[in-house]
Amino acid sequence: MKSKLLVMLAALVLTACGAPEAESQATRADQASPAATTEAPAAASQAPAAQAAQNERIELAQATAGGTLDSSRFQNGTHYQRLSPTQPTSSGPDQVEVAEFFMYSCIHCYNFEPFVQEWLESKPDYINFVRVPTVWNPLVRLHAQAFYAAEALGKGEEMHAPFFREMHVTGNYLDSEDAMADFFGKFGVSEEEFKSTLNSFAVHAKVQRADELARRYRVSSTPSVVVNGKYLTNATMAGGYPALIELINELAASER
């Protein structure tokens, strides 16, 4: 029983790949000097009246912000984070945008993909689902370029799942333009067409926008999901992939 519990806890924790910047920030926080932590007791010893006033201000801000999920199961600050301020989306005013931040080299994104595909078959029509590749290092940037190149060539959906399988099943990490060109060749794309599209202005502009979105939404791990530019969540926060899908549906419904 004890070993089974440990396996379940490990599975829950290992549901995301972290951004290098986020990991280094956590390391720096762990290595902070003792002097940096001596202020905590003073902050904790606020007068009750002052603390009550602060709580009232927080509650008022949350009430006036609008759009907070009213759920008995999922709670803000635990299962998702309410982004402030809300960020604009690229979807129409009658649509709720659900954006998945991912990277092809992330095993957790690969594991999450079957849940996404099943959800896409039954999601409400008012949800506009978009994928956003992260751009955290040169190799991940190359994969992000390849994602948008496939999209520009009209092969985005056709190649998305094979991208994951090529890395996590075949073991080909597509770590160069030449390796990527060979992979695109399996889908009828010539090397010349692939490389010209990969390095086009349009693809670079989309990669730059993806990087800006991840920063604006404060995405620090993959896969992460942002609902309507307002709510940030992931499988670790939600409690696993099935729970994450349920949470996405509830957050989207609250935004409709």
C-alpha atoms as a PDB file:
ATOM      1  CA  MET A   1       0.000   0.000   0.000  1.00  0.00           C
ATOM      2  CA  LYS A   2       2.819   2.366   0.946  1.00  0.00           C
ATOM      3  CA  SER A   3       4.737   1.690  -2.280  1.00  0.00           C
ATOM      4  CA  LYS A   4       1.573   2.239  -4.351  1.00  0.00           C
ATOM      5  CA  LEU A   5       1.038   5.606  -2.661  1.00  0.00           C
ATOM      6  CA  LEU A   6       4.608   6.636  -3.424  1.00  0.00           C
ATOM      7  CA  VAL A   7       4.143   5.724  -7.088  1.00  0.00           C
ATOM      8  CA  MET A   8       0.939   7.792  -7.271  1.00  0.00           C
ATOM      9  CA  LEU A   9       2.653  10.788  -5.684  1.00  0.00           C
ATOM     10  CA  ALA A  10       5.599  10.485  -8.042  1.00  0.00           C
ATOM     11  CA  ALA A  11       3.261  10.323 -11.034  1.00  0.00           C
ATOM     12  CA  LEU A  12       1.460  13.435  -9.841  1.00  0.00           C
ATOM     13  CA  VAL A  13       4.660  15.420  -9.413  1.00  0.00           C
ATOM     14  CA  LEU A  14       6.186  14.318 -12.715  1.00  0.00           C
ATOM     15  CA  THR A  15       3.579  15.847 -15.005  1.00  0.00           C
ATOM     16  CA  ALA A  16       5.477  18.853 -16.311  1.00  0.00           C
ATOM     17  CA  CYS A  17       8.789  19.928 -17.826  1.00  0.00           C
ATOM     18  CA  GLY A  18      10.141  23.112 -16.269  1.00  0.00           C
ATOM     19  CA  ALA A  19      11.568  26.125 -18.032  1.00  0.00           C
ATOM     20  CA  PRO A  20      15.320  26.597 -17.447  1.00  0.00           C
ATOM     21  CA  GLU A  21      14.711  30.112 -16.121  1.00  0.00           C
ATOM     22  CA  ALA A  22      12.117  28.917 -13.614  1.00  0.00           C
ATOM     23  CA  GLU A  23      14.417  26.145 -12.412  1.00  0.00           C
ATOM     24  CA  SER A  24      17.335  28.531 -11.934  1.00  0.00           C
ATOM     25  CA  GLN A  25      15.109  30.950 -10.028  1.00  0.00           C
ATOM     26  CA  ALA A  26      14.052  28.150  -7.698  1.00  0.00           C
ATOM     27  CA  THR A  27      17.692  27.194  -7.179  1.00  0.00           C
ATOM     28  CA  ARG A  28      18.617  30.781  -6.374  1.00  0.00           C
ATOM     29  CA  ALA A  29      15.745  30.976  -3.888  1.00  0.00           C
ATOM     30  CA  ASP A  30      16.923  27.778  -2.175  1.00  0.00           C
ATOM     31  CA  GLN A  31      20.423  29.211  -1.919  1.00  0.00           C
ATOM     32  CA  ALA A  32      19.309  32.565  -0.489  1.00  0.00           C
ATOM     33  CA  SER A  33      21.326  33.797   2.486  1.00  0.00           C
ATOM     34  CA  PRO A  34      19.892  33.443   6.026  1.00  0.00           C
ATOM     35  CA  ALA A  35      19.619  37.225   6.237  1.00  0.00           C
ATOM     36  CA  ALA A  36      17.101  37.180   3.417  1.00  0.00           C
ATOM     37  CA  THR A  37      14.738  35.028   5.456  1.00  0.00           C
ATOM     38  CA  THR A  38      14.819  36.939   8.714  1.00  0.00           C
ATOM     39  CA  GLU A  39      12.063  39.311   7.593  1.00  0.00           C
ATOM     40  CA  ALA A  40       9.423  36.586   7.464  1.00  0.00           C
ATOM     41  CA  PRO A  41       8.571  36.597  11.212  1.00  0.00           C
ATOM     42  CA  ALA A  42       8.058  40.346  11.134  1.00  0.00           C
ATOM     43  CA  ALA A  43       5.674  40.056   8.197  1.00  0.00           C
ATOM     44  CA  ALA A  44       3.782  37.282   9.944  1.00  0.00           C
ATOM     45  CA  SER A  45       3.314  39.360  13.073  1.00  0.00           C
ATOM     46  CA  GLN A  46       1.054  42.008  11.531  1.00  0.00           C
ATOM     47  CA  ALA A  47      -1.596  43.379  13.843  1.00  0.00           C
ATOM     48  CA  PRO A  48      -4.921  41.515  13.497  1.00  0.00           C
ATOM     49  CA  ALA A  49      -6.748  44.682  12.431  1.00  0.00           C
ATOM     50  CA  ALA A  50      -4.218  45.391   9.694  1.00  0.00           C
ATOM     51  CA  GLN A  51      -4.362  41.797   8.483  1.00  0.00           C
ATOM     52  CA  ALA A  52      -8.178  41.885   8.419  1.00  0.00           C
ATOM     53  CA  ALA A  53      -8.114  45.074   6.376  1.00  0.00           C
ATOM     54  CA  GLN A  54      -5.684  43.508   3.925  1.00  0.00           C
ATOM     55  CA  ASN A  55      -7.917  40.455   3.567  1.00  0.00           C
ATOM     56  CA  GLU A  56     -10.908  42.701   2.862  1.00  0.00           C
ATOM     57  CA  ARG A  57      -8.986  44.497   0.137  1.00  0.00           C
ATOM     58  CA  ILE A  58      -8.010  41.171  -1.477  1.00  0.00           C
ATOM     59  CA  GLU A  59     -11.588  39.892  -1.345  1.00  0.00           C
ATOM     60  CA  LEU A  60     -12.890  43.143  -2.823  1.00  0.00           C
ATOM     61  CA  ALA A  61     -10.340  42.990  -5.648  1.00  0.00           C
ATOM     62  CA  GLN A  62     -11.297  39.418  -6.435  1.00  0.00           C
ATOM     63  CA  ALA A  63     -15.006  40.241  -6.372  1.00  0.00           C
ATOM     64  CA  THR A  64     -14.678  43.217  -8.693  1.00  0.00           C
ATOM     65  CA  ALA A  65     -12.306  41.421 -11.066  1.00  0.00           C
ATOM     66  CA  GLY A  66     -15.119  39.161 -12.283  1.00  0.00           C
ATOM     67  CA  GLY A  67     -14.876  35.803 -13.968  1.00  0.00           C
ATOM     68  CA  THR A  68     -13.753  33.851 -10.901  1.00  0.00           C
ATOM     69  CA  LEU A  69     -14.667  30.187 -11.184  1.00  0.00           C
ATOM     70  CA  ASP A  70     -17.447  29.169  -8.793  1.00  0.00           C
ATOM     71  CA  SER A  71     -16.552  25.530  -8.182  1.00  0.00           C
ATOM     72  CA  SER A  72     -16.725  23.215  -5.201  1.00  0.00           C
ATOM     73  CA  ARG A  73     -13.855  21.156  -6.603  1.00  0.00           C
ATOM     74  CA  PHE A  74     -11.365  23.549  -8.187  1.00  0.00           C
ATOM     75  CA  GLN A  75     -10.002  26.518  -6.255  1.00  0.00           C
ATOM     76  CA  ASN A  76      -8.044  29.573  -7.357  1.00  0.00           C
ATOM     77  CA  GLY A  77      -4.497  29.452  -6.026  1.00  0.00           C
ATOM     78  CA  THR A  78      -4.567  25.673  -5.715  1.00  0.00           C
ATOM     79  CA  HIS A  79      -5.798  24.144  -8.963  1.00  0.00           C
ATOM     80  CA  TYR A  80      -5.292  27.203 -11.162  1.00  0.00           C
ATOM     81  CA  GLN A  81      -3.980  30.765 -10.984  1.00  0.00           C
ATOM     82  CA  ARG A  82      -5.996  33.833 -11.884  1.00  0.00           C
ATOM     83  CA  LEU A  83      -3.745  36.012 -14.052  1.00  0.00           C
ATOM     84  CA  SER A  84      -3.758  39.713 -13.296  1.00  0.00           C
ATOM     85  CA  PRO A  85      -4.153  41.606 -15.461  1.00  0.00           C
ATOM     86  CA  THR A  86      -6.078  39.462 -17.926  1.00  0.00           C
ATOM     87  CA  GLN A  87      -4.161  39.188 -21.200  1.00  0.00           C
ATOM     88  CA  PRO A  88      -5.688  39.728 -24.652  1.00  0.00           C
ATOM     89  CA  THR A  89      -6.210  36.698 -26.882  1.00  0.00           C
ATOM     90  CA  SER A  90      -6.256  36.188 -30.629  1.00  0.00           C
ATOM     91  CA  SER A  91      -9.732  34.586 -30.608  1.00  0.00           C
ATOM     92  CA  GLY A  92     -13.003  36.292 -31.495  1.00  0.00           C
ATOM     93  CA  PRO A  93     -15.231  37.945 -28.859  1.00  0.00           C
ATOM     94  CA  ASP A  94     -17.740  35.086 -29.048  1.00  0.00           C
ATOM     95  CA  GLN A  95     -15.065  32.465 -28.422  1.00  0.00           C
ATOM     96  CA  VAL A  96     -13.220  31.266 -25.326  1.00  0.00           C
ATOM     97  CA  GLU A  97      -9.583  30.633 -26.124  1.00  0.00           C
ATOM     98  CA  VAL A  98      -7.827  27.613 -24.633  1.00  0.00           C
ATOM     99  CA  ALA A  99      -4.081  27.754 -25.292  1.00  0.00           C
ATOM    100  CA  GLU A 100      -1.798  24.795 -24.647  1.00  0.00           C
ATOM    101  CA  PHE A 101       1.868  25.664 -24.138  1.00  0.00           C
ATOM    102  CA  PHE A 102       4.005  22.677 -25.070  1.00  0.00           C
ATOM    103  CA  MET A 103       7.345  21.535 -26.417  1.00  0.00           C
ATOM    104  CA  TYR A 104       7.943  18.465 -28.534  1.00  0.00           C
ATOM    105  CA  SER A 105      10.884  17.281 -26.419  1.00  0.00           C
ATOM    106  CA  CYS A 106       8.738  17.226 -23.250  1.00  0.00           C
ATOM    107  CA  ILE A 107       7.660  13.679 -22.364  1.00  0.00           C
ATOM    108  CA  HIS A 108       4.762  15.056 -20.323  1.00  0.00           C
ATOM    109  CA  CYS A 109       3.432  16.920 -23.374  1.00  0.00           C
ATOM    110  CA  TYR A 110       3.634  13.633 -25.282  1.00  0.00           C
ATOM    111  CA  ASN A 111       1.709  11.866 -22.500  1.00  0.00           C
ATOM    112  CA  PHE A 112      -0.900  14.644 -22.386  1.00  0.00           C
ATOM    113  CA  GLU A 113      -1.523  14.627 -26.143  1.00  0.00           C
ATOM    114  CA  PRO A 114      -3.963  11.633 -26.183  1.00  0.00           C
ATOM    115  CA  PHE A 115      -6.123  13.423 -23.599  1.00  0.00           C
ATOM    116  CA  VAL A 116      -6.078  16.571 -25.751  1.00  0.00           C
ATOM    117  CA  GLN A 117      -7.053  14.639 -28.879  1.00  0.00           C
ATOM    118  CA  GLU A 118      -9.973  12.951 -27.120  1.00  0.00           C
ATOM    119  CA  TRP A 119     -11.116  16.287 -25.686  1.00  0.00           C
ATOM    120  CA  LEU A 120     -10.967  17.971 -29.099  1.00  0.00           C
ATOM    121  CA  GLU A 121     -13.512  15.493 -30.421  1.00  0.00           C
ATOM    122  CA  SER A 122     -16.125  16.593 -27.872  1.00  0.00           C
ATOM    123  CA  LYS A 123     -15.196  20.124 -26.800  1.00  0.00           C
ATOM    124  CA  PRO A 124     -17.906  22.818 -27.060  1.00  0.00           C
ATOM    125  CA  ASP A 125     -17.966  24.822 -30.280  1.00  0.00           C
ATOM    126  CA  TYR A 126     -17.407  28.081 -28.416  1.00  0.00           C
ATOM    127  CA  ILE A 127     -13.905  26.972 -27.399  1.00  0.00           C
ATOM    128  CA  ASN A 128     -11.094  27.952 -29.763  1.00  0.00           C
ATOM    129  CA  PHE A 129      -8.121  25.689 -29.062  1.00  0.00           C
ATOM    130  CA  VAL A 130      -4.637  26.881 -30.004  1.00  0.00           C
ATOM    131  CA  ARG A 131      -1.231  25.320 -29.506  1.00  0.00           C
ATOM    132  CA  VAL A 132       1.701  27.517 -28.532  1.00  0.00           C
ATOM    133  CA  PRO A 133       5.234  26.077 -28.597  1.00  0.00           C
ATOM    134  CA  THR A 134       7.616  27.306 -25.918  1.00  0.00           C
ATOM    135  CA  VAL A 135      10.947  28.879 -26.835  1.00  0.00           C
ATOM    136  CA  TRP A 136      13.329  28.205 -23.937  1.00  0.00           C
ATOM    137  CA  ASN A 137      16.600  27.298 -25.658  1.00  0.00           C
ATOM    138  CA  PRO A 138      18.003  27.060 -29.215  1.00  0.00           C
ATOM    139  CA  LEU A 139      16.844  23.463 -29.804  1.00  0.00           C
ATOM    140  CA  VAL A 140      13.344  24.144 -28.482  1.00  0.00           C
ATOM    141  CA  ARG A 141      13.263  27.261 -30.678  1.00  0.00           C
ATOM    142  CA  LEU A 142      14.102  25.090 -33.703  1.00  0.00           C
ATOM    143  CA  HIS A 143      11.208  22.787 -32.810  1.00  0.00           C
ATOM    144  CA  ALA A 144       8.922  25.809 -32.444  1.00  0.00           C
ATOM    145  CA  GLN A 145       9.991  27.006 -35.897  1.00  0.00           C
ATOM    146  CA  ALA A 146       9.255  23.532 -37.267  1.00  0.00           C
ATOM    147  CA  PHE A 147       5.794  23.604 -35.689  1.00  0.00           C
ATOM    148  CA  TYR A 148       4.945  26.885 -37.412  1.00  0.00           C
ATOM    149  CA  ALA A 149       6.620  25.772 -40.646  1.00  0.00           C
ATOM    150  CA  ALA A 150       4.383  22.689 -40.736  1.00  0.00           C
ATOM    151  CA  GLU A 151       1.410  24.947 -40.067  1.00  0.00           C
ATOM    152  CA  ALA A 152       2.421  27.320 -42.889  1.00  0.00           C
ATOM    153  CA  LEU A 153       2.760  24.364 -45.262  1.00  0.00           C
ATOM    154  CA  GLY A 154      -0.743  23.171 -44.404  1.00  0.00           C
ATOM    155  CA  LYS A 155       0.554  20.099 -42.579  1.00  0.00           C
ATOM    156  CA  GLY A 156       0.227  21.191 -38.961  1.00  0.00           C
ATOM    157  CA  GLU A 157      -2.381  18.662 -37.826  1.00  0.00           C
ATOM    158  CA  GLU A 158      -0.948  15.899 -40.003  1.00  0.00           C
ATOM    159  CA  MET A 159       2.532  16.237 -38.495  1.00  0.00           C
ATOM    160  CA  HIS A 160       1.802  17.135 -34.870  1.00  0.00           C
ATOM    161  CA  ALA A 161       1.473  13.614 -33.445  1.00  0.00           C
ATOM    162  CA  PRO A 162       4.296  12.230 -35.635  1.00  0.00           C
ATOM    163  CA  PHE A 163       6.591  14.963 -34.236  1.00  0.00           C
ATOM    164  CA  PHE A 164       6.060  13.563 -30.748  1.00  0.00           C
ATOM    165  CA  ARG A 165       6.454   9.938 -31.854  1.00  0.00           C
ATOM    166  CA  GLU A 166       9.642  10.710 -33.779  1.00  0.00           C
ATOM    167  CA  MET A 167      11.277  11.975 -30.586  1.00  0.00           C
ATOM    168  CA  HIS A 168       9.775   9.824 -27.849  1.00  0.00           C
ATOM    169  CA  VAL A 169       9.243   6.523 -29.683  1.00  0.00           C
ATOM    170  CA  THR A 170      11.766   6.490 -32.529  1.00  0.00           C
ATOM    171  CA  GLY A 171      14.428   8.328 -30.522  1.00  0.00           C
ATOM    172  CA  ASN A 172      15.202  10.861 -33.256  1.00  0.00           C
ATOM    173  CA  TYR A 173      15.477  14.189 -31.439  1.00  0.00           C
ATOM    174  CA  LEU A 174      15.417  16.293 -34.627  1.00  0.00           C
ATOM    175  CA  ASP A 175      18.301  18.365 -33.334  1.00  0.00           C
ATOM    176  CA  SER A 176      19.349  20.040 -36.585  1.00  0.00           C
ATOM    177  CA  GLU A 177      17.831  21.604 -39.677  1.00  0.00           C
ATOM    178  CA  ASP A 178      19.087  18.704 -41.784  1.00  0.00           C
ATOM    179  CA  ALA A 179      17.469  16.117 -39.497  1.00  0.00           C
ATOM    180  CA  MET A 180      14.279  18.146 -39.552  1.00  0.00           C
ATOM    181  CA  ALA A 181      14.402  18.415 -43.357  1.00  0.00           C
ATOM    182  CA  ASP A 182      14.630  14.632 -43.636  1.00  0.00           C
ATOM    183  CA  PHE A 183      11.626  14.299 -41.332  1.00  0.00           C
ATOM    184  CA  PHE A 184       9.562  16.790 -43.354  1.00  0.00           C
ATOM    185  CA  GLY A 185      10.542  14.849 -46.482  1.00  0.00           C
ATOM    186  CA  LYS A 186       8.449  11.925 -45.204  1.00  0.00           C
ATOM    187  CA  PHE A 187       5.417  14.202 -45.601  1.00  0.00           C
ATOM    188  CA  GLY A 188       6.155  15.258 -49.151  1.00  0.00           C
ATOM    189  CA  VAL A 189       8.021  18.492 -48.354  1.00  0.00           C
ATOM    190  CA  SER A 190      11.239  19.120 -50.281  1.00  0.00           C
ATOM    191  CA  GLU A 191      14.365  20.216 -48.414  1.00  0.00           C
ATOM    192  CA  GLU A 192      14.365  23.564 -50.227  1.00  0.00           C
ATOM    193  CA  GLU A 193      10.715  24.253 -49.431  1.00  0.00           C
ATOM    194  CA  PHE A 194      11.185  23.228 -45.806  1.00  0.00           C
ATOM    195  CA  LYS A 195      14.251  25.383 -45.163  1.00  0.00           C
ATOM    196  CA  SER A 196      12.823  28.449 -46.903  1.00  0.00           C
ATOM    197  CA  THR A 197       9.630  28.156 -44.837  1.00  0.00           C
ATOM    198  CA  LEU A 198      11.490  27.397 -41.599  1.00  0.00           C
ATOM    199  CA  ASN A 199      13.555  30.566 -41.944  1.00  0.00           C
ATOM    200  CA  SER A 200      10.811  32.778 -43.333  1.00  0.00           C
ATOM    201  CA  PHE A 201       9.817  36.071 -41.752  1.00  0.00           C
ATOM    202  CA  ALA A 202       6.299  34.781 -41.036  1.00  0.00           C
ATOM    203  CA  VAL A 203       7.576  31.778 -39.069  1.00  0.00           C
ATOM    204  CA  HIS A 204      10.076  33.849 -37.092  1.00  0.00           C
ATOM    205  CA  ALA A 205       7.332  36.367 -36.264  1.00  0.00           C
ATOM    206  CA  LYS A 206       5.107  33.590 -34.890  1.00  0.00           C
ATOM    207  CA  VAL A 207       7.956  32.157 -32.820  1.00  0.00           C
ATOM    208  CA  GLN A 208       8.607  35.601 -31.383  1.00  0.00           C
ATOM    209  CA  ARG A 209       4.942  36.006 -30.512  1.00  0.00           C
ATOM    210  CA  ALA A 210       4.882  32.568 -28.857  1.00  0.00           C
ATOM    211  CA  ASP A 211       7.835  33.592 -26.698  1.00  0.00           C
ATOM    212  CA  GLU A 212       6.100  36.840 -25.736  1.00  0.00           C
ATOM    213  CA  LEU A 213       2.876  34.990 -24.850  1.00  0.00           C
ATOM    214  CA  ALA A 214       4.706  32.565 -22.559  1.00  0.00           C
ATOM    215  CA  ARG A 215       6.292  35.506 -20.750  1.00  0.00           C
ATOM    216  CA  ARG A 216       3.007  37.418 -20.488  1.00  0.00           C
ATOM    217  CA  TYR A 217       1.159  34.370 -19.186  1.00  0.00           C
ATOM    218  CA  ARG A 218       4.078  33.528 -16.851  1.00  0.00           C
ATOM    219  CA  VAL A 219       4.314  29.983 -18.177  1.00  0.00           C
ATOM    220  CA  SER A 220       7.135  28.139 -16.398  1.00  0.00           C
ATOM    221  CA  SER A 221       6.436  24.506 -17.302  1.00  0.00           C
ATOM    222  CA  THR A 222       4.943  22.353 -20.021  1.00  0.00           C
ATOM    223  CA  PRO A 223       2.305  21.332 -20.676  1.00  0.00           C
ATOM    224  CA  SER A 224       0.512  24.396 -19.319  1.00  0.00           C
ATOM    225  CA  VAL A 225      -2.917  25.646 -20.295  1.00  0.00           C
ATOM    226  CA  VAL A 226      -4.192  29.229 -20.323  1.00  0.00           C
ATOM    227  CA  VAL A 227      -7.948  29.758 -20.564  1.00  0.00           C
ATOM    228  CA  ASN A 228      -9.094  33.014 -22.187  1.00  0.00           C
ATOM    229  CA  GLY A 229      -5.945  34.879 -21.169  1.00  0.00           C
ATOM    230  CA  LYS A 230      -7.174  34.758 -17.581  1.00  0.00           C
ATOM    231  CA  TYR A 231      -6.478  31.382 -15.974  1.00  0.00           C
ATOM    232  CA  LEU A 232      -3.206  29.441 -15.894  1.00  0.00           C
ATOM    233  CA  THR A 233      -3.129  25.769 -14.905  1.00  0.00           C
ATOM    234  CA  ASN A 234      -1.353  22.468 -15.487  1.00  0.00           C
ATOM    235  CA  ALA A 235      -1.709  18.795 -14.606  1.00  0.00           C
ATOM    236  CA  THR A 236       0.272  19.079 -11.378  1.00  0.00           C
ATOM    237  CA  MET A 237      -2.009  21.834 -10.089  1.00  0.00           C
ATOM    238  CA  ALA A 238      -5.218  20.199 -11.317  1.00  0.00           C
ATOM    239  CA  GLY A 239      -4.388  16.727 -10.005  1.00  0.00           C
ATOM    240  CA  GLY A 240      -3.570  14.797 -13.168  1.00  0.00           C
ATOM    241  CA  TYR A 241      -4.467  14.860 -16.859  1.00  0.00           C
ATOM    242  CA  PRO A 242      -8.155  13.810 -16.576  1.00  0.00           C
ATOM    243  CA  ALA A 243      -8.712  16.426 -13.848  1.00  0.00           C
ATOM    244  CA  LEU A 244      -6.954  19.043 -16.000  1.00  0.00           C
ATOM    245  CA  ILE A 245      -9.400  18.393 -18.851  1.00  0.00           C
ATOM    246  CA  GLU A 246     -12.335  18.760 -16.450  1.00  0.00           C
ATOM    247  CA  LEU A 247     -10.882  21.992 -15.090  1.00  0.00           C
ATOM    248  CA  ILE A 248     -10.393  23.389 -18.607  1.00  0.00           C
ATOM    249  CA  ASN A 249     -14.061  22.725 -19.346  1.00  0.00           C
ATOM    250  CA  GLU A 250     -15.198  24.418 -16.136  1.00  0.00           C
ATOM    251  CA  LEU A 251     -12.991  27.460 -16.646  1.00  0.00           C
ATOM    252  CA  ALA A 252     -14.116  27.821 -20.259  1.00  0.00           C
ATOM    253  CA  ALA A 253     -17.779  27.502 -19.279  1.00  0.00           C
ATOM    254  CA  SER A 254     -17.320  30.202 -16.637  1.00  0.00           C
ATOM    255  CA  GLU A 255     -15.940  32.530 -19.320  1.00  0.00           C
ATOM    256  CA  ARG A 256     -18.701  31.982 -21.844  1.00  0.00           C
END
